[in-house]
Amino acid sequence: MDMMFEAYLTQEAGHLDPDDIPHTKDPVWVLGKKYRAIDDLEIIRKDIRSKFWFTYRRGFVQIGDTGLTSDKGWGCMLRCGQMVLAQALACLHLGRDWCWDPETRNTAYLQILHMFEDRRTAAYSIHQIALMGASEGKEVGQWFGPNTVTQVLKKLAIYDEWSSVVIHVALDNTVIVDEIKQLCKSASAHHEPSLVPSGKESSNHPVDRSWKPLVLVVPLRLGLSEINPVYVQGLKTCFTFRQSLGVIGGKPNHALYFIGCVGDEVIYLDPHTTQPAGFVEEKEQEHEKAFDGSYHCQYASRMHILHMDPSVAAY
């Protein structure tokens, strides 16, 4: 338990004056929400802290018969895939404006978190993603690219009846609207997810239960070995869309989850911290609350947008 807050303590001790958000007049965008750094610093941090932060873990039940009980060194893109999909489920079941705090025991929140825990039976666990990766030609323990993890999540989402999301990958930079409409129309009486969080339905805004929620993914190559500056403004614009779930990419063999931008810098969550595996359960015990805290990053990081790897997937 002493190592539970390895990431937390590292950030706290090393950042007496955190440099996560610059003191600037430039607008700060976080997944479709616009902030002013000078006035909204703590609000920005609370928004970022509310995002799911999935990192390397150690000590979980081995994946298949591989003997692997940690994903350190190979699972960073899998963790980024988990983060972006968890954000989609949070928007669906909790709403974009929902915020996490250390005492929250929201049922929908806990259900989402349980789906990503490091156990074999969890719908989107590291176990499920790694084993499903074999269908994409990736052995367990092999590094994934953005497109590979997206294809795996697309397959796993089929079995998530609670959310019933459709993940559509727009290949060749082409979005075919009629094709997406066909995928999202549900004739099944067994799949009737609400498109708004529980308690927010209104008679003035009826919920269309015949339509499955869509996660649209656009894999992009924004240059050869580095990002072509011509794409910078378009990439930054992605973070201003209110429907944005972020971008996964990073550096070669070093995956990151990008959630916003400020000026010419991108804001991201970094999975490259190894924490002990464990379960939050119903978040009643102190150790369960501690594990819950380990799924939320105290301070985000940032880098110049041109330092990103040109291979990304925009959600």
Protein backbone atom coordinates (compact mmCIF):
# COMPACT_ATOMS: atom_id res chain seq x y z
CA MET A 1 0.00 0.00 0.00
CA ASP A 2 2.98 2.29 0.55
CA MET A 3 3.49 2.22 -3.21
CA MET A 4 -0.13 2.94 -4.02
CA PHE A 5 0.44 6.61 -4.63
CA GLU A 6 3.74 6.25 -6.46
CA ALA A 7 2.53 8.47 -9.28
CA TYR A 8 0.62 10.79 -6.99
CA LEU A 9 3.54 11.39 -4.64
CA THR A 10 5.98 11.83 -7.50
CA GLN A 11 3.81 14.57 -8.95
CA GLU A 12 3.16 16.19 -5.58
CA ALA A 13 6.79 16.21 -4.47
CA GLY A 14 8.22 17.23 -7.79
CA HIS A 15 5.71 19.95 -8.56
CA LEU A 16 5.42 22.32 -5.63
CA ASP A 17 4.42 24.83 -8.27
CA PRO A 18 3.02 22.60 -11.05
CA ASP A 19 3.74 23.63 -14.61
CA ASP A 20 0.82 21.71 -16.07
CA ILE A 21 -1.11 24.71 -17.43
CA PRO A 22 0.84 27.78 -18.58
CA HIS A 23 0.02 31.23 -17.24
CA THR A 24 -1.18 32.65 -20.54
CA LYS A 25 -3.98 34.60 -22.12
CA ASP A 26 -4.32 31.95 -24.84
CA PRO A 27 -7.51 29.88 -24.49
CA VAL A 28 -7.13 26.43 -22.99
CA TRP A 29 -9.19 23.74 -24.71
CA VAL A 30 -9.97 20.44 -22.98
CA LEU A 31 -12.15 18.08 -25.00
CA GLY A 32 -14.47 20.74 -26.36
CA LYS A 33 -14.51 23.02 -23.31
CA LYS A 34 -12.85 26.43 -23.45
CA TYR A 35 -11.12 27.90 -20.43
CA ARG A 36 -9.01 30.90 -19.47
CA ALA A 37 -5.85 29.78 -17.70
CA ILE A 38 -5.61 32.97 -15.66
CA ASP A 39 -9.13 32.69 -14.24
CA ASP A 40 -9.99 29.00 -14.48
CA LEU A 41 -6.83 27.16 -13.40
CA GLU A 42 -8.40 25.06 -10.64
CA ILE A 43 -11.48 24.36 -12.77
CA ILE A 44 -9.23 23.15 -15.58
CA ARG A 45 -7.36 20.89 -13.19
CA LYS A 46 -10.60 19.49 -11.80
CA ASP A 47 -11.82 18.73 -15.32
CA ILE A 48 -8.56 16.97 -16.19
CA ARG A 49 -8.52 15.12 -12.86
CA SER A 50 -11.98 13.78 -13.68
CA LYS A 51 -10.67 11.93 -16.73
CA PHE A 52 -9.79 8.27 -16.33
CA TRP A 53 -6.04 7.79 -16.14
CA PHE A 54 -4.96 4.26 -16.99
CA THR A 55 -1.30 3.47 -16.49
CA TYR A 56 1.00 0.49 -16.48
CA ARG A 57 0.09 -1.91 -13.67
CA ARG A 58 1.96 -4.75 -12.03
CA GLY A 59 0.86 -7.79 -10.10
CA PHE A 60 -2.36 -8.61 -11.95
CA VAL A 61 -3.46 -12.14 -12.86
CA GLN A 62 -1.39 -13.36 -15.78
CA ILE A 63 -2.69 -12.70 -19.28
CA GLY A 64 -3.64 -16.03 -20.85
CA ASP A 65 -0.81 -18.51 -20.44
CA THR A 66 1.91 -15.94 -21.17
CA GLY A 67 3.07 -15.52 -17.60
CA LEU A 68 2.83 -11.73 -18.00
CA THR A 69 1.59 -10.05 -14.83
CA SER A 70 2.53 -6.49 -15.83
CA ASP A 71 2.18 -4.44 -19.00
CA LYS A 72 5.16 -2.22 -18.26
CA GLY A 73 7.13 -1.55 -21.44
CA TRP A 74 4.51 -2.68 -23.92
CA GLY A 75 1.01 -1.68 -22.81
CA CYS A 76 1.07 2.11 -23.15
CA MET A 77 -1.05 2.26 -26.32
CA LEU A 78 -3.49 -0.23 -24.83
CA ARG A 79 -3.83 2.05 -21.81
CA CYS A 80 -4.38 5.07 -24.07
CA GLY A 81 -7.11 3.15 -25.87
CA GLN A 82 -8.70 2.43 -22.51
CA MET A 83 -8.58 6.11 -21.57
CA VAL A 84 -10.25 7.39 -24.71
CA LEU A 85 -12.99 4.74 -24.60
CA ALA A 86 -13.58 5.36 -20.89
CA GLN A 87 -14.06 9.04 -21.72
CA ALA A 88 -16.69 8.05 -24.29
CA LEU A 89 -18.54 5.94 -21.73
CA ALA A 90 -18.29 8.72 -19.15
CA CYS A 91 -19.87 11.18 -21.58
CA LEU A 92 -22.61 8.67 -22.34
CA HIS A 93 -23.49 7.57 -18.82
CA LEU A 94 -22.43 10.57 -16.70
CA GLY A 95 -22.38 13.56 -19.04
CA ARG A 96 -19.47 15.72 -20.20
CA ASP A 97 -19.76 18.10 -17.24
CA TRP A 98 -19.60 15.39 -14.58
CA CYS A 99 -16.62 15.75 -12.25
CA TRP A 100 -14.87 13.18 -10.10
CA ASP A 101 -13.92 13.72 -6.49
CA PRO A 102 -12.24 11.34 -4.01
CA GLU A 103 -15.53 10.61 -2.22
CA THR A 104 -17.72 9.89 -5.23
CA ARG A 105 -19.45 6.51 -5.27
CA ASN A 106 -21.65 7.15 -8.28
CA THR A 107 -22.98 3.80 -9.49
CA ALA A 108 -22.45 4.51 -13.19
CA TYR A 109 -18.94 5.79 -12.52
CA LEU A 110 -17.99 2.64 -10.64
CA GLN A 111 -19.51 0.45 -13.34
CA ILE A 112 -17.40 2.18 -15.99
CA LEU A 113 -14.26 1.82 -13.89
CA HIS A 114 -14.91 -1.88 -13.27
CA MET A 115 -15.03 -2.46 -17.03
CA PHE A 116 -11.38 -1.40 -17.32
CA GLU A 117 -9.91 -3.02 -14.21
CA ASP A 118 -7.10 -5.54 -14.58
CA ARG A 119 -9.17 -8.68 -14.30
CA ARG A 120 -9.86 -11.29 -16.97
CA THR A 121 -13.62 -10.81 -16.91
CA ALA A 122 -13.65 -7.01 -17.27
CA ALA A 123 -15.01 -5.97 -20.67
CA TYR A 124 -12.11 -3.68 -21.60
CA SER A 125 -9.34 -4.99 -19.34
CA ILE A 126 -5.72 -5.19 -20.41
CA HIS A 127 -6.34 -8.95 -20.58
CA GLN A 128 -9.21 -8.66 -23.05
CA ILE A 129 -7.44 -6.10 -25.23
CA ALA A 130 -4.16 -8.01 -25.34
CA LEU A 131 -5.80 -11.35 -26.13
CA MET A 132 -8.14 -9.84 -28.73
CA GLY A 133 -5.05 -8.26 -30.29
CA ALA A 134 -4.09 -11.70 -31.52
CA SER A 135 -6.88 -11.37 -34.08
CA GLU A 136 -5.06 -8.30 -35.40
CA GLY A 137 -1.77 -10.17 -35.64
CA LYS A 138 -0.33 -8.84 -32.38
CA GLU A 139 1.09 -11.27 -29.85
CA VAL A 140 0.52 -10.56 -26.16
CA GLY A 141 3.31 -8.28 -25.02
CA GLN A 142 3.78 -6.71 -28.45
CA TRP A 143 3.40 -2.94 -28.84
CA PHE A 144 0.20 -1.70 -30.55
CA GLY A 145 -0.19 1.26 -32.88
CA PRO A 146 -3.19 3.64 -32.69
CA ASN A 147 -5.14 1.86 -35.43
CA THR A 148 -4.57 -1.60 -33.96
CA VAL A 149 -5.89 -0.73 -30.51
CA THR A 150 -8.88 0.98 -32.13
CA GLN A 151 -9.73 -2.14 -34.14
CA VAL A 152 -9.51 -4.25 -30.99
CA LEU A 153 -11.76 -1.91 -28.99
CA LYS A 154 -14.24 -1.96 -31.87
CA LYS A 155 -14.53 -5.74 -31.53
CA LEU A 156 -14.80 -5.69 -27.74
CA ALA A 157 -17.50 -3.00 -27.79
CA ILE A 158 -19.86 -5.42 -29.51
CA TYR A 159 -20.17 -7.33 -26.22
CA ASP A 160 -20.89 -4.23 -24.11
CA GLU A 161 -24.68 -4.32 -23.99
CA TRP A 162 -24.91 -1.70 -21.25
CA SER A 163 -23.37 1.02 -23.43
CA SER A 164 -24.16 -0.49 -26.83
CA VAL A 165 -21.77 1.89 -28.57
CA VAL A 166 -20.79 1.63 -32.20
CA ILE A 167 -17.11 2.27 -32.91
CA HIS A 168 -16.61 3.24 -36.54
CA VAL A 169 -13.15 3.63 -38.02
CA ALA A 170 -13.06 6.02 -40.97
CA LEU A 171 -10.40 4.51 -43.20
CA ASP A 172 -8.65 6.46 -45.96
CA ASN A 173 -9.73 9.74 -44.29
CA THR A 174 -13.26 9.12 -45.55
CA VAL A 175 -16.45 9.39 -43.51
CA ILE A 176 -19.42 7.81 -45.28
CA VAL A 177 -22.47 9.23 -43.52
CA ASP A 178 -25.01 6.74 -44.88
CA GLU A 179 -22.83 3.85 -43.76
CA ILE A 180 -22.60 5.28 -40.24
CA LYS A 181 -26.36 5.83 -40.07
CA GLN A 182 -26.93 2.22 -40.98
CA LEU A 183 -24.53 1.04 -38.28
CA CYS A 184 -26.12 3.19 -35.60
CA LYS A 185 -29.74 2.39 -36.32
CA SER A 186 -30.82 -0.36 -33.99
CA ALA A 187 -33.83 -2.53 -34.71
CA SER A 188 -33.11 -4.63 -31.62
CA ALA A 189 -35.34 -4.26 -28.61
CA HIS A 190 -32.49 -5.59 -26.48
CA HIS A 191 -30.27 -2.55 -27.00
CA GLU A 192 -31.93 0.61 -25.76
CA PRO A 193 -29.25 2.81 -24.16
CA SER A 194 -30.12 6.32 -23.15
CA LEU A 195 -28.12 8.98 -24.94
CA VAL A 196 -28.19 11.23 -21.88
CA PRO A 197 -27.13 10.50 -18.31
CA SER A 198 -29.71 9.05 -15.95
CA GLY A 199 -31.85 11.74 -14.39
CA LYS A 200 -31.34 14.21 -17.23
CA GLU A 201 -34.09 13.07 -19.55
CA SER A 202 -36.68 15.69 -20.34
CA SER A 203 -40.09 15.50 -21.94
CA ASN A 204 -38.95 18.40 -24.09
CA HIS A 205 -35.95 16.40 -25.31
CA PRO A 206 -37.08 12.81 -25.87
CA VAL A 207 -34.35 10.19 -26.12
CA ASP A 208 -34.05 8.34 -29.41
CA ARG A 209 -33.57 4.78 -28.20
CA SER A 210 -33.40 3.37 -31.72
CA TRP A 211 -30.00 4.99 -32.28
CA LYS A 212 -26.79 3.51 -30.90
CA PRO A 213 -24.20 5.99 -29.63
CA LEU A 214 -21.33 6.50 -32.06
CA VAL A 215 -17.60 6.69 -31.42
CA LEU A 216 -16.08 7.94 -34.66
CA VAL A 217 -12.37 7.34 -35.10
CA VAL A 218 -10.26 8.91 -37.84
CA PRO A 219 -6.76 7.40 -38.15
CA LEU A 220 -4.40 10.01 -39.58
CA ARG A 221 -0.87 10.25 -40.90
CA LEU A 222 0.11 13.90 -40.53
CA GLY A 223 3.57 13.64 -42.03
CA LEU A 224 6.36 11.17 -42.74
CA SER A 225 8.74 11.21 -39.78
CA GLU A 226 7.33 14.34 -38.12
CA ILE A 227 4.13 16.37 -38.23
CA ASN A 228 3.82 18.63 -41.24
CA PRO A 229 3.07 22.15 -39.91
CA VAL A 230 0.24 22.46 -42.43
CA TYR A 231 -1.82 20.09 -40.24
CA VAL A 232 -1.24 21.86 -36.93
CA GLN A 233 -4.27 24.14 -36.98
CA GLY A 234 -6.58 21.32 -38.02
CA LEU A 235 -5.28 19.10 -35.24
CA LYS A 236 -5.75 21.84 -32.65
CA THR A 237 -9.29 22.42 -33.93
CA CYS A 238 -10.15 18.80 -33.07
CA PHE A 239 -9.92 19.67 -29.38
CA THR A 240 -12.50 22.46 -29.76
CA PHE A 241 -15.32 20.15 -30.89
CA ARG A 242 -17.74 19.51 -28.03
CA GLN A 243 -17.98 15.89 -29.19
CA SER A 244 -14.20 15.42 -29.03
CA LEU A 245 -12.89 12.43 -27.07
CA GLY A 246 -9.26 13.29 -27.75
CA VAL A 247 -6.39 11.89 -29.78
CA ILE A 248 -4.17 8.89 -29.15
CA GLY A 249 -0.65 8.86 -30.50
CA GLY A 250 2.51 10.17 -28.91
CA LYS A 251 6.04 9.32 -29.93
CA PRO A 252 7.40 6.12 -31.54
CA ASN A 253 6.78 3.29 -29.05
CA HIS A 254 5.71 5.87 -26.47
CA ALA A 255 1.93 6.30 -26.53
CA LEU A 256 0.12 9.28 -25.01
CA TYR A 257 -3.51 10.38 -24.70
CA PHE A 258 -3.99 13.97 -25.86
CA ILE A 259 -6.97 15.75 -24.33
CA GLY A 260 -6.48 19.41 -25.16
CA CYS A 261 -4.31 22.25 -26.34
CA VAL A 262 -3.10 25.70 -25.38
CA GLY A 263 -1.20 27.86 -27.83
CA ASP A 264 1.07 25.55 -29.83
CA GLU A 265 1.20 22.94 -27.09
CA VAL A 266 -0.93 19.85 -26.56
CA ILE A 267 -2.11 18.67 -23.14
CA TYR A 268 -1.89 14.95 -22.46
CA LEU A 269 -2.18 12.13 -19.95
CA ASP A 270 0.85 9.84 -19.78
CA PRO A 271 0.41 6.12 -18.99
CA HIS A 272 4.12 5.56 -18.32
CA THR A 273 3.84 5.15 -14.57
CA THR A 274 3.75 1.66 -13.06
CA GLN A 275 1.26 1.22 -10.22
CA PRO A 276 0.11 -1.87 -8.30
CA ALA A 277 -2.91 -3.70 -9.66
CA GLY A 278 -6.01 -3.80 -7.49
CA PHE A 279 -9.76 -3.36 -7.45
CA VAL A 280 -12.00 -0.51 -6.38
CA GLU A 281 -15.04 -2.78 -5.83
CA GLU A 282 -17.78 -0.65 -4.18
CA LYS A 283 -15.28 1.91 -2.86
CA GLU A 284 -16.26 1.35 0.76
CA GLN A 285 -12.88 0.47 2.26
CA GLU A 286 -9.95 2.86 2.55
CA HIS A 287 -7.73 0.77 0.28
CA GLU A 288 -10.50 0.77 -2.35
CA LYS A 289 -10.69 4.56 -2.16
CA ALA A 290 -6.92 4.67 -2.56
CA PHE A 291 -7.07 2.53 -5.68
CA ASP A 292 -9.79 4.78 -7.08
CA GLY A 293 -7.51 7.77 -6.61
CA SER A 294 -4.81 6.02 -8.60
CA TYR A 295 -7.07 6.18 -11.67
CA HIS A 296 -7.00 9.99 -11.75
CA CYS A 297 -3.97 12.14 -12.58
CA GLN A 298 -3.29 15.16 -10.37
CA TYR A 299 -1.60 17.18 -13.10
CA ALA A 300 -1.53 16.76 -16.87
CA SER A 301 1.58 17.19 -19.01
CA ARG A 302 2.13 19.17 -22.19
CA MET A 303 4.46 19.25 -25.20
CA HIS A 304 4.87 21.24 -28.39
CA ILE A 305 2.47 19.94 -30.99
CA LEU A 306 5.27 19.43 -33.54
CA HIS A 307 6.93 16.94 -31.18
CA MET A 308 4.03 14.51 -31.60
CA ASP A 309 4.45 11.42 -33.74
CA PRO A 310 2.62 11.98 -37.06
CA SER A 311 0.64 8.74 -36.71
CA VAL A 312 -2.47 9.44 -34.61
CA ALA A 313 -6.08 8.44 -34.21
CA ALA A 314 -8.58 11.23 -33.57
CA TYR A 315 -11.74 10.32 -31.66
